[in-house]
Protein backbone atom coordinates (compact mmCIF):
# COMPACT_ATOMS: atom_id res chain seq x y z
CA UNK A 1 100.30 88.25 82.43
CA UNK A 2 97.28 87.93 84.72
CA UNK A 3 95.74 89.69 87.74
CA UNK A 4 94.75 87.77 90.87
CA UNK A 5 93.83 88.44 94.48
CA UNK A 6 96.80 89.23 96.72
CA UNK A 7 97.97 86.58 99.16
CA UNK A 8 98.70 87.23 102.84
CA UNK A 9 102.37 86.43 102.30
CA UNK A 10 102.60 89.39 99.88
CA UNK A 11 101.83 91.92 102.60
CA UNK A 12 105.45 93.04 103.06
CA UNK A 13 105.99 93.30 99.30
CA UNK A 14 102.84 95.41 98.95
CA UNK A 15 103.73 97.71 101.84
CA UNK A 16 107.26 98.20 100.52
CA UNK A 17 106.02 99.21 97.07
CA UNK A 18 103.15 101.34 98.38
CA UNK A 19 105.64 103.28 100.49
CA UNK A 20 108.20 103.55 97.67
CA UNK A 21 105.56 104.91 95.29
CA UNK A 22 104.08 107.27 97.88
CA UNK A 23 100.64 105.66 97.66
CA UNK A 24 97.88 105.53 100.23
CA UNK A 25 98.26 102.77 102.81
CA UNK A 26 95.43 103.94 105.10
CA UNK A 27 93.57 101.00 106.68
CA UNK A 28 95.88 98.53 104.88
CA UNK A 29 94.60 94.96 104.50
CA UNK A 30 96.38 92.73 101.99
CA UNK A 31 93.15 90.85 101.22
CA UNK A 32 91.72 94.03 99.64
CA UNK A 33 94.45 94.07 96.96
CA UNK A 34 94.93 92.46 93.59
CA UNK A 35 98.35 91.80 92.07
CA UNK A 36 99.40 91.60 88.41
CA UNK A 37 101.75 88.65 87.81
CA UNK A 38 103.92 87.75 84.83
CA UNK A 39 103.08 84.14 83.92
CA UNK A 40 106.56 83.26 82.69
CA UNK A 41 108.79 84.72 85.40
CA UNK A 42 106.30 84.91 88.28
CA UNK A 43 107.38 88.53 88.81
CA UNK A 44 104.88 90.92 90.33
CA UNK A 45 104.19 93.86 88.03
CA UNK A 46 101.51 95.97 89.72
CA UNK A 47 98.74 96.12 92.28
CA UNK A 48 95.64 97.98 93.41
CA UNK A 49 92.90 97.93 95.99
CA UNK A 50 89.23 98.48 96.57
CA UNK A 51 88.36 100.08 99.87
CA UNK A 52 84.83 99.78 101.19
CA UNK A 53 83.59 102.65 103.36
CA UNK A 54 80.70 101.86 105.69
CA UNK A 55 79.06 105.11 106.83
CA UNK A 56 76.34 104.78 109.47
CA UNK A 57 73.54 106.56 107.68
CA UNK A 58 74.05 105.77 103.97
CA UNK A 59 74.82 102.71 101.82
CA UNK A 60 78.40 101.42 101.59
CA UNK A 61 80.76 103.23 99.22
CA UNK A 62 83.47 101.63 97.07
CA UNK A 63 86.75 103.41 96.35
CA UNK A 64 89.59 102.34 94.06
CA UNK A 65 92.91 103.32 95.62
CA UNK A 66 96.62 102.53 95.87
CA UNK A 67 97.00 101.54 92.22
CA UNK A 68 100.64 101.17 91.30
CA UNK A 69 102.79 99.64 88.55
CA UNK A 70 106.48 98.87 88.96
CA UNK A 71 108.73 100.95 86.72
CA UNK A 72 109.87 98.04 84.55
CA UNK A 73 106.25 97.22 83.69
CA UNK A 74 104.89 100.69 82.88
CA UNK A 75 103.25 101.50 79.53
CA UNK A 76 102.26 97.84 79.04
CA UNK A 77 98.62 97.83 80.14
CA UNK A 78 99.31 96.44 83.61
CA UNK A 79 97.58 99.28 85.45
CA UNK A 80 94.59 99.06 83.12
CA UNK A 81 94.07 95.41 83.95
CA UNK A 82 94.46 96.06 87.66
CA UNK A 83 91.71 98.69 87.37
CA UNK A 84 89.56 96.26 85.35
CA UNK A 85 89.90 93.55 88.00
CA UNK A 86 89.04 96.01 90.80
CA UNK A 87 85.94 97.22 88.94
CA UNK A 88 84.87 93.59 88.39
CA UNK A 89 85.30 92.86 92.11
CA UNK A 90 83.25 95.93 93.02
CA UNK A 91 80.48 94.79 90.67
CA UNK A 92 80.61 91.28 92.14
CA UNK A 93 80.09 92.82 95.57
CA UNK A 94 76.94 94.59 94.38
CA UNK A 95 78.26 98.11 93.82
CA UNK A 96 76.86 100.06 90.88
CA UNK A 97 79.56 102.71 90.95
CA UNK A 98 83.10 103.17 92.19
CA UNK A 99 84.96 106.31 93.19
CA UNK A 100 88.61 107.28 92.94
CA UNK A 101 90.50 110.21 94.45
CA UNK A 102 93.55 110.66 92.26
CA UNK A 103 96.16 113.20 91.26
CA UNK A 104 96.29 111.94 87.65
CA UNK A 105 92.62 111.71 86.64
CA UNK A 106 93.28 111.51 82.86
CA UNK A 107 94.42 107.92 83.30
CA UNK A 108 91.06 106.84 84.74
CA UNK A 109 89.00 108.92 82.29
CA UNK A 110 90.03 106.56 79.46
CA UNK A 111 88.10 103.78 81.22
CA UNK A 112 84.87 105.78 81.54
CA UNK A 113 85.46 107.60 84.84
CA UNK A 114 83.88 111.04 85.06
CA UNK A 115 85.44 113.86 87.03
CA UNK A 116 83.04 115.26 89.58
CA UNK A 117 82.90 118.16 91.98
CA UNK A 118 83.96 117.61 95.58
CA UNK A 119 80.39 118.42 96.69
CA UNK A 120 79.03 115.54 94.58
CA UNK A 121 81.00 113.03 96.66
CA UNK A 122 79.40 111.15 99.53
CA UNK A 123 80.32 112.87 102.81
CA UNK A 124 82.72 110.09 103.84
CA UNK A 125 84.72 110.53 100.62
CA UNK A 126 84.72 114.33 101.00
CA UNK A 127 86.56 113.78 104.30
CA UNK A 128 88.87 111.28 102.64
CA UNK A 129 89.62 113.69 99.78
CA UNK A 130 90.63 116.39 102.24
CA UNK A 131 92.87 113.94 104.12
CA UNK A 132 94.56 112.90 100.86
CA UNK A 133 95.05 116.52 99.81
CA UNK A 134 96.55 117.34 103.21
CA UNK A 135 98.85 114.32 103.05
CA UNK A 136 100.10 112.23 100.17
CA UNK A 137 98.22 113.69 97.17
CA UNK A 138 97.74 117.48 97.28
CA UNK A 139 96.35 117.54 93.71
CA UNK A 140 93.77 114.77 94.25
CA UNK A 141 90.48 115.16 92.41
CA UNK A 142 87.36 112.99 92.64
CA UNK A 143 86.15 110.73 89.86
CA UNK A 144 83.29 108.25 89.61
CA UNK A 145 82.53 105.33 87.31
CA UNK A 146 79.25 103.57 86.73
CA UNK A 147 80.45 99.96 86.69
CA UNK A 148 78.51 98.95 83.59
CA UNK A 149 80.15 101.84 81.70
CA UNK A 150 83.72 100.56 82.25
CA UNK A 151 85.57 100.36 78.95
CA UNK A 152 88.98 98.81 78.32
CA UNK A 153 90.75 100.47 75.36
CA UNK A 154 91.88 97.84 72.83
CA UNK A 155 95.44 99.21 72.79
CA UNK A 156 95.80 98.52 76.53
CA UNK A 157 94.39 95.00 76.22
CA UNK A 158 96.95 94.24 73.49
CA UNK A 159 99.85 95.72 75.46
CA UNK A 160 98.92 93.56 78.44
CA UNK A 161 98.84 90.38 76.34
CA UNK A 162 102.43 91.05 75.28
CA UNK A 163 103.76 92.67 78.44
CA UNK A 164 107.40 91.89 79.07
CA UNK A 165 109.50 93.03 81.99
CA UNK A 166 112.43 95.14 80.84
CA UNK A 167 114.63 94.26 83.75
CA UNK A 168 113.87 91.48 86.17
CA UNK A 169 113.24 92.57 89.72
CA UNK A 170 115.08 90.19 91.98
CA UNK A 171 115.77 90.01 95.65
CA UNK A 172 119.34 91.00 96.44
CA UNK A 173 121.61 88.33 97.83
CA UNK A 174 121.39 88.30 101.59
CA UNK A 175 124.47 88.06 103.74
CA UNK A 176 125.22 87.74 107.45
CA UNK A 177 125.58 91.50 107.93
CA UNK A 178 121.96 92.00 106.77
CA UNK A 179 120.90 90.13 109.89
CA UNK A 180 123.26 91.91 112.29
CA UNK A 181 125.77 89.06 112.39
CA UNK A 182 129.50 89.77 112.40
CA UNK A 183 130.91 86.90 110.30
CA UNK A 184 134.40 87.38 111.79
CA UNK A 185 133.34 86.68 115.37
CA UNK A 186 130.12 84.66 115.08
CA UNK A 187 130.00 81.09 116.26
CA UNK A 188 127.41 78.74 114.97
CA UNK A 189 125.49 76.10 116.85
CA UNK A 190 126.37 73.39 114.37
CA UNK A 191 129.93 74.52 113.61
CA UNK A 192 131.79 71.56 112.07
CA UNK A 193 135.19 73.12 112.65
CA UNK A 194 136.06 73.39 108.98
């Protein structure tokens, strides 16, 4: 199992899973995402994103958002490693802290995130918190992490090393009807008459 930057061709896959999980797809750009991949099967297990906010009057702000793990891969450390990769990317881009606006803050607390008051957020994230609460995540609360205080619990690192998909996610077989073709009446350009 490993986590890498998302590829442009994974945009549809990401959008499908973001929608299915009810996650935030505001200002979607596939290049902002990372994807967890099973080395043996090549199956995608999870994803997440850093979103950079660029207010006019203050320094840029980094937010972790849209972190999701497919059902078959839950409880195996996949989400933890997605978070770790996102925090590393934020540090590589020069950020000293990252924010998250989440409905399940206990998950992030185990990595060193601290819950903070809405008023302690930068103004741009206060607006974003209200938008999330009005839309997809009514219970969202703010959290912040000083990047050099990130901590990966050993149990999650071990789970990730041995992660194994319970049931393989596969694309369903496609047939003519999926593309609006009536197989009874369709003619084909290269019909051989057989």
